[in-house]
């Protein structure tokens, strides 16, 4: 079965997305008592995940 077009590019983009969310969470974990840092990490994570959920794949490939 032939590979679907752009799967490598999509895999790389989604890998970057997962790494960005992971980094935001890792950054906040040692600072759970600092609400400002936690809120920023949550906001950043939500922003990243909203981009994925919007599903504008053609924009990811540019």
PDB file of N, CA and C in Angstrom:
ATOM      1  N   UNK A   1       0.845  -1.175   0.000  1.00  0.00           N
ATOM      2  CA  UNK A   1       0.000   0.000   0.000  1.00  0.00           C
ATOM      3  C   UNK A   1       0.891   1.240   0.000  1.00  0.00           C
ATOM      4  N   UNK A   2       0.637   2.182  -0.883  1.00  0.00           N
ATOM      5  CA  UNK A   2       1.487   3.382  -0.941  1.00  0.00           C
ATOM      6  C   UNK A   2       1.273   4.292   0.260  1.00  0.00           C
ATOM      7  N   UNK A   3       2.328   5.001   0.597  1.00  0.00           N
ATOM      8  CA  UNK A   3       2.270   5.910   1.741  1.00  0.00           C
ATOM      9  C   UNK A   3       1.450   7.143   1.354  1.00  0.00           C
ATOM     10  N   UNK A   4       0.638   7.625   2.261  1.00  0.00           N
ATOM     11  CA  UNK A   4      -0.145   8.841   2.027  1.00  0.00           C
ATOM     12  C   UNK A   4       0.814  10.024   1.874  1.00  0.00           C
ATOM     13  N   UNK A   5       0.403  11.031   1.101  1.00  0.00           N
ATOM     14  CA  UNK A   5       1.293  12.179   0.900  1.00  0.00           C
ATOM     15  C   UNK A   5       1.537  12.960   2.190  1.00  0.00           C
ATOM     16  N   UNK A   6       2.729  13.452   2.331  1.00  0.00           N
ATOM     17  CA  UNK A   6       3.133  14.368   3.420  1.00  0.00           C
ATOM     18  C   UNK A   6       3.133  13.736   4.813  1.00  0.00           C
ATOM     19  N   UNK A   7       3.136  12.423   4.910  1.00  0.00           N
ATOM     20  CA  UNK A   7       3.102  11.816   6.245  1.00  0.00           C
ATOM     21  C   UNK A   7       4.354  12.133   7.052  1.00  0.00           C
ATOM     22  N   UNK A   8       5.489  12.205   6.399  1.00  0.00           N
ATOM     23  CA  UNK A   8       6.727  12.521   7.118  1.00  0.00           C
ATOM     24  C   UNK A   8       6.651  13.928   7.692  1.00  0.00           C
ATOM     25  N   UNK A   9       6.182  14.879   6.883  1.00  0.00           N
ATOM     26  CA  UNK A   9       6.070  16.261   7.350  1.00  0.00           C
ATOM     27  C   UNK A   9       5.060  16.373   8.495  1.00  0.00           C
ATOM     28  N   UNK A  10       3.947  15.668   8.376  1.00  0.00           N
ATOM     29  CA  UNK A  10       2.945  15.692   9.438  1.00  0.00           C
ATOM     30  C   UNK A  10       3.478  15.059  10.716  1.00  0.00           C
ATOM     31  N   UNK A  11       4.185  13.951  10.577  1.00  0.00           N
ATOM     32  CA  UNK A  11       4.788  13.311  11.752  1.00  0.00           C
ATOM     33  C   UNK A  11       5.752  14.258  12.452  1.00  0.00           C
ATOM     34  N   UNK A  12       6.571  14.956  11.680  1.00  0.00           N
ATOM     35  CA  UNK A  12       7.531  15.888  12.266  1.00  0.00           C
ATOM     36  C   UNK A  12       6.826  17.045  12.964  1.00  0.00           C
ATOM     37  N   UNK A  13       5.777  17.561  12.345  1.00  0.00           N
ATOM     38  CA  UNK A  13       5.037  18.672  12.958  1.00  0.00           C
ATOM     39  C   UNK A  13       4.400  18.225  14.269  1.00  0.00           C
ATOM     40  N   UNK A  14       3.754  17.076  14.248  1.00  0.00           N
ATOM     41  CA  UNK A  14       3.088  16.598  15.466  1.00  0.00           C
ATOM     42  C   UNK A  14       4.098  16.236  16.552  1.00  0.00           C
ATOM     43  N   UNK A  15       5.264  15.764  16.153  1.00  0.00           N
ATOM     44  CA  UNK A  15       6.327  15.508  17.127  1.00  0.00           C
ATOM     45  C   UNK A  15       6.739  16.813  17.810  1.00  0.00           C
ATOM     46  N   UNK A  16       6.853  17.874  17.020  1.00  0.00           N
ATOM     47  CA  UNK A  16       7.196  19.187  17.565  1.00  0.00           C
ATOM     48  C   UNK A  16       6.119  19.685  18.513  1.00  0.00           C
ATOM     49  N   UNK A  17       4.855  19.445  18.160  1.00  0.00           N
ATOM     50  CA  UNK A  17       3.730  19.840  19.012  1.00  0.00           C
ATOM     51  C   UNK A  17       3.809  19.127  20.358  1.00  0.00           C
ATOM     52  N   UNK A  18       4.013  17.825  20.326  1.00  0.00           N
ATOM     53  CA  UNK A  18       4.097  17.046  21.565  1.00  0.00           C
ATOM     54  C   UNK A  18       5.276  17.527  22.412  1.00  0.00           C
ATOM     55  N   UNK A  19       6.392  17.795  21.776  1.00  0.00           N
ATOM     56  CA  UNK A  19       7.560  18.279  22.512  1.00  0.00           C
ATOM     57  C   UNK A  19       7.291  19.642  23.146  1.00  0.00           C
ATOM     58  N   UNK A  20       6.547  20.506  22.457  1.00  0.00           N
ATOM     59  CA  UNK A  20       6.238  21.827  22.994  1.00  0.00           C
ATOM     60  C   UNK A  20       5.327  21.726  24.221  1.00  0.00           C
ATOM     61  N   UNK A  21       4.312  20.872  24.153  1.00  0.00           N
ATOM     62  CA  UNK A  21       3.429  20.684  25.308  1.00  0.00           C
ATOM     63  C   UNK A  21       4.217  20.075  26.463  1.00  0.00           C
ATOM     64  N   UNK A  22       5.045  19.105  26.164  1.00  0.00           N
ATOM     65  CA  UNK A  22       5.878  18.465  27.191  1.00  0.00           C
ATOM     66  C   UNK A  22       6.788  19.493  27.859  1.00  0.00           C
ATOM     67  N   UNK A  23       7.384  20.363  27.065  1.00  0.00           N
ATOM     68  CA  UNK A  23       8.280  21.385  27.612  1.00  0.00           C
ATOM     69  C   UNK A  23       7.516  22.356  28.515  1.00  0.00           C
ATOM     70  N   UNK A  24       6.313  22.752  28.103  1.00  0.00           N
ATOM     71  CA  UNK A  24       5.520  23.675  28.922  1.00  0.00           C
ATOM     72  C   UNK A  24       5.178  23.051  30.268  1.00  0.00           C
ATOM     73  N   UNK A  25       4.785  21.801  30.243  1.00  0.00           N
ATOM     74  CA  UNK A  25       4.436  21.103  31.488  1.00  0.00           C
ATOM     75  C   UNK A  25       5.680  20.923  32.364  1.00  0.00           C
ATOM     76  N   UNK A  26       6.771  20.499  31.759  1.00  0.00           N
ATOM     77  CA  UNK A  26       8.015  20.324  32.534  1.00  0.00           C
ATOM     78  C   UNK A  26       8.488  21.630  33.158  1.00  0.00           C
ATOM     79  N   UNK A  27       8.295  22.722  32.454  1.00  0.00           N
ATOM     80  CA  UNK A  27       8.712  24.031  32.957  1.00  0.00           C
ATOM     81  C   UNK A  27       7.878  24.407  34.182  1.00  0.00           C
ATOM     82  N   UNK A  28       6.590  24.067  34.158  1.00  0.00           N
ATOM     83  CA  UNK A  28       5.701  24.475  35.250  1.00  0.00           C
ATOM     84  C   UNK A  28       5.782  23.568  36.479  1.00  0.00           C
ATOM     85  N   UNK A  29       6.088  22.321  36.297  1.00  0.00           N
ATOM     86  CA  UNK A  29       6.021  21.360  37.406  1.00  0.00           C
ATOM     87  C   UNK A  29       6.799  21.776  38.653  1.00  0.00           C
ATOM     88  N   UNK A  30       8.011  22.275  38.537  1.00  0.00           N
ATOM     89  CA  UNK A  30       8.727  22.671  39.764  1.00  0.00           C
ATOM     90  C   UNK A  30       8.156  23.939  40.414  1.00  0.00           C
ATOM     91  N   UNK A  31       7.210  24.592  39.732  1.00  0.00           N
ATOM     92  CA  UNK A  31       6.687  25.870  40.207  1.00  0.00           C
ATOM     93  C   UNK A  31       5.185  25.810  40.484  1.00  0.00           C
ATOM     94  N   UNK A  32       4.706  24.674  40.953  1.00  0.00           N
ATOM     95  CA  UNK A  32       3.269  24.505  41.159  1.00  0.00           C
ATOM     96  C   UNK A  32       2.678  25.496  42.156  1.00  0.00           C
ATOM     97  N   UNK A  33       3.500  26.050  43.016  1.00  0.00           N
ATOM     98  CA  UNK A  33       3.014  27.031  43.984  1.00  0.00           C
ATOM     99  C   UNK A  33       2.954  28.447  43.418  1.00  0.00           C
ATOM    100  N   UNK A  34       3.470  28.632  42.198  1.00  0.00           N
ATOM    101  CA  UNK A  34       3.446  29.941  41.542  1.00  0.00           C
ATOM    102  C   UNK A  34       2.355  29.930  40.473  1.00  0.00           C
ATOM    103  N   UNK A  35       1.202  30.461  40.842  1.00  0.00           N
ATOM    104  CA  UNK A  35       0.028  30.388  39.961  1.00  0.00           C
ATOM    105  C   UNK A  35       0.275  31.049  38.609  1.00  0.00           C
ATOM    106  N   UNK A  36       1.069  32.105  38.576  1.00  0.00           N
ATOM    107  CA  UNK A  36       1.345  32.813  37.322  1.00  0.00           C
ATOM    108  C   UNK A  36       2.080  31.893  36.337  1.00  0.00           C
ATOM    109  N   UNK A  37       3.053  31.155  36.805  1.00  0.00           N
ATOM    110  CA  UNK A  37       3.806  30.237  35.947  1.00  0.00           C
ATOM    111  C   UNK A  37       2.919  29.089  35.489  1.00  0.00           C
ATOM    112  N   UNK A  38       2.131  28.554  36.394  1.00  0.00           N
ATOM    113  CA  UNK A  38       1.227  27.451  36.042  1.00  0.00           C
ATOM    114  C   UNK A  38       0.208  27.914  35.009  1.00  0.00           C
ATOM    115  N   UNK A  39      -0.362  29.097  35.215  1.00  0.00           N
ATOM    116  CA  UNK A  39      -1.335  29.622  34.256  1.00  0.00           C
ATOM    117  C   UNK A  39      -0.716  29.816  32.880  1.00  0.00           C
ATOM    118  N   UNK A  40       0.529  30.290  32.828  1.00  0.00           N
ATOM    119  CA  UNK A  40       1.209  30.480  31.538  1.00  0.00           C
ATOM    120  C   UNK A  40       1.410  29.139  30.846  1.00  0.00           C
ATOM    121  N   UNK A  41       1.826  28.136  31.594  1.00  0.00           N
ATOM    122  CA  UNK A  41       2.037  26.806  31.014  1.00  0.00           C
ATOM    123  C   UNK A  41       0.723  26.231  30.497  1.00  0.00           C
ATOM    124  N   UNK A  42      -0.347  26.407  31.257  1.00  0.00           N
ATOM    125  CA  UNK A  42      -1.660  25.927  30.818  1.00  0.00           C
ATOM    126  C   UNK A  42      -2.123  26.678  29.574  1.00  0.00           C
ATOM    127  N   UNK A  43      -1.921  27.982  29.566  1.00  0.00           N
ATOM    128  CA  UNK A  43      -2.307  28.789  28.408  1.00  0.00           C
ATOM    129  C   UNK A  43      -1.524  28.354  27.173  1.00  0.00           C
ATOM    130  N   UNK A  44      -0.218  28.194  27.328  1.00  0.00           N
ATOM    131  CA  UNK A  44       0.617  27.765  26.197  1.00  0.00           C
ATOM    132  C   UNK A  44       0.189  26.394  25.687  1.00  0.00           C
ATOM    133  N   UNK A  45      -0.065  25.480  26.592  1.00  0.00           N
ATOM    134  CA  UNK A  45      -0.486  24.130  26.202  1.00  0.00           C
ATOM    135  C   UNK A  45      -1.825  24.162  25.482  1.00  0.00           C
ATOM    136  N   UNK A  46      -2.753  24.957  25.993  1.00  0.00           N
ATOM    137  CA  UNK A  46      -4.068  25.060  25.360  1.00  0.00           C
ATOM    138  C   UNK A  46      -3.940  25.654  23.955  1.00  0.00           C
ATOM    139  N   UNK A  47      -3.111  26.663  23.818  1.00  0.00           N
ATOM    140  CA  UNK A  47      -2.904  27.295  22.518  1.00  0.00           C
ATOM    141  C   UNK A  47      -2.353  26.285  21.495  1.00  0.00           C
ATOM    142  N   UNK A  48      -1.405  25.504  21.925  1.00  0.00           N
ATOM    143  CA  UNK A  48      -0.801  24.489  21.051  1.00  0.00           C
ATOM    144  C   UNK A  48      -1.837  23.434  20.678  1.00  0.00           C
ATOM    145  N   UNK A  49      -2.571  22.944  21.661  1.00  0.00           N
ATOM    146  CA  UNK A  49      -3.563  21.899  21.396  1.00  0.00           C
ATOM    147  C   UNK A  49      -4.740  22.426  20.574  1.00  0.00           C
ATOM    148  N   UNK A  50      -5.110  23.689  20.763  1.00  0.00           N
ATOM    149  CA  UNK A  50      -6.171  24.288  19.941  1.00  0.00           C
ATOM    150  C   UNK A  50      -5.770  24.317  18.469  1.00  0.00           C
ATOM    151  N   UNK A  51      -4.492  24.580  18.209  1.00  0.00           N
ATOM    152  CA  UNK A  51      -3.998  24.574  16.825  1.00  0.00           C
ATOM    153  C   UNK A  51      -4.176  23.191  16.209  1.00  0.00           C
ATOM    154  N   UNK A  52      -3.827  22.168  16.953  1.00  0.00           N
ATOM    155  CA  UNK A  52      -3.967  20.806  16.447  1.00  0.00           C
ATOM    156  C   UNK A  52      -5.439  20.471  16.221  1.00  0.00           C
ATOM    157  N   UNK A  53      -6.272  20.808  17.193  1.00  0.00           N
ATOM    158  CA  UNK A  53      -7.689  20.474  17.095  1.00  0.00           C
ATOM    159  C   UNK A  53      -8.389  21.232  15.970  1.00  0.00           C
ATOM    160  N   UNK A  54      -7.873  22.391  15.598  1.00  0.00           N
ATOM    161  CA  UNK A  54      -8.446  23.144  14.479  1.00  0.00           C
ATOM    162  C   UNK A  54      -8.258  22.371  13.180  1.00  0.00           C
ATOM    163  N   UNK A  55      -7.211  21.555  13.119  1.00  0.00           N
ATOM    164  CA  UNK A  55      -7.010  20.648  11.992  1.00  0.00           C
ATOM    165  C   UNK A  55      -6.665  21.308  10.677  1.00  0.00           C
ATOM    166  N   UNK A  56      -6.042  22.465  10.695  1.00  0.00           N
ATOM    167  CA  UNK A  56      -5.664  23.159   9.462  1.00  0.00           C
ATOM    168  C   UNK A  56      -4.336  22.610   8.958  1.00  0.00           C
ATOM    169  N   UNK A  57      -4.388  21.371   8.513  1.00  0.00           N
ATOM    170  CA  UNK A  57      -3.189  20.625   8.136  1.00  0.00           C
ATOM    171  C   UNK A  57      -2.415  21.332   7.030  1.00  0.00           C
ATOM    172  N   UNK A  58      -3.107  21.921   6.082  1.00  0.00           N
ATOM    173  CA  UNK A  58      -2.416  22.585   4.972  1.00  0.00           C
ATOM    174  C   UNK A  58      -1.519  23.715   5.472  1.00  0.00           C
ATOM    175  N   UNK A  59      -1.917  24.378   6.563  1.00  0.00           N
ATOM    176  CA  UNK A  59      -1.079  25.433   7.132  1.00  0.00           C
ATOM    177  C   UNK A  59       0.174  24.856   7.781  1.00  0.00           C
ATOM    178  N   UNK A  60       0.079  23.647   8.325  1.00  0.00           N
ATOM    179  CA  UNK A  60       1.234  23.025   8.970  1.00  0.00           C
ATOM    180  C   UNK A  60       2.306  22.665   7.959  1.00  0.00           C
ATOM    181  N   UNK A  61       1.903  22.448   6.727  1.00  0.00           N
ATOM    182  CA  UNK A  61       2.839  21.979   5.704  1.00  0.00           C
ATOM    183  C   UNK A  61       3.525  23.124   4.965  1.00  0.00           C
ATOM    184  N   UNK A  62       3.239  24.352   5.347  1.00  0.00           N
ATOM    185  CA  UNK A  62       3.859  25.493   4.666  1.00  0.00           C
ATOM    186  C   UNK A  62       5.208  25.810   5.240  1.00  0.00           C
TER     187      UNK A  62
END
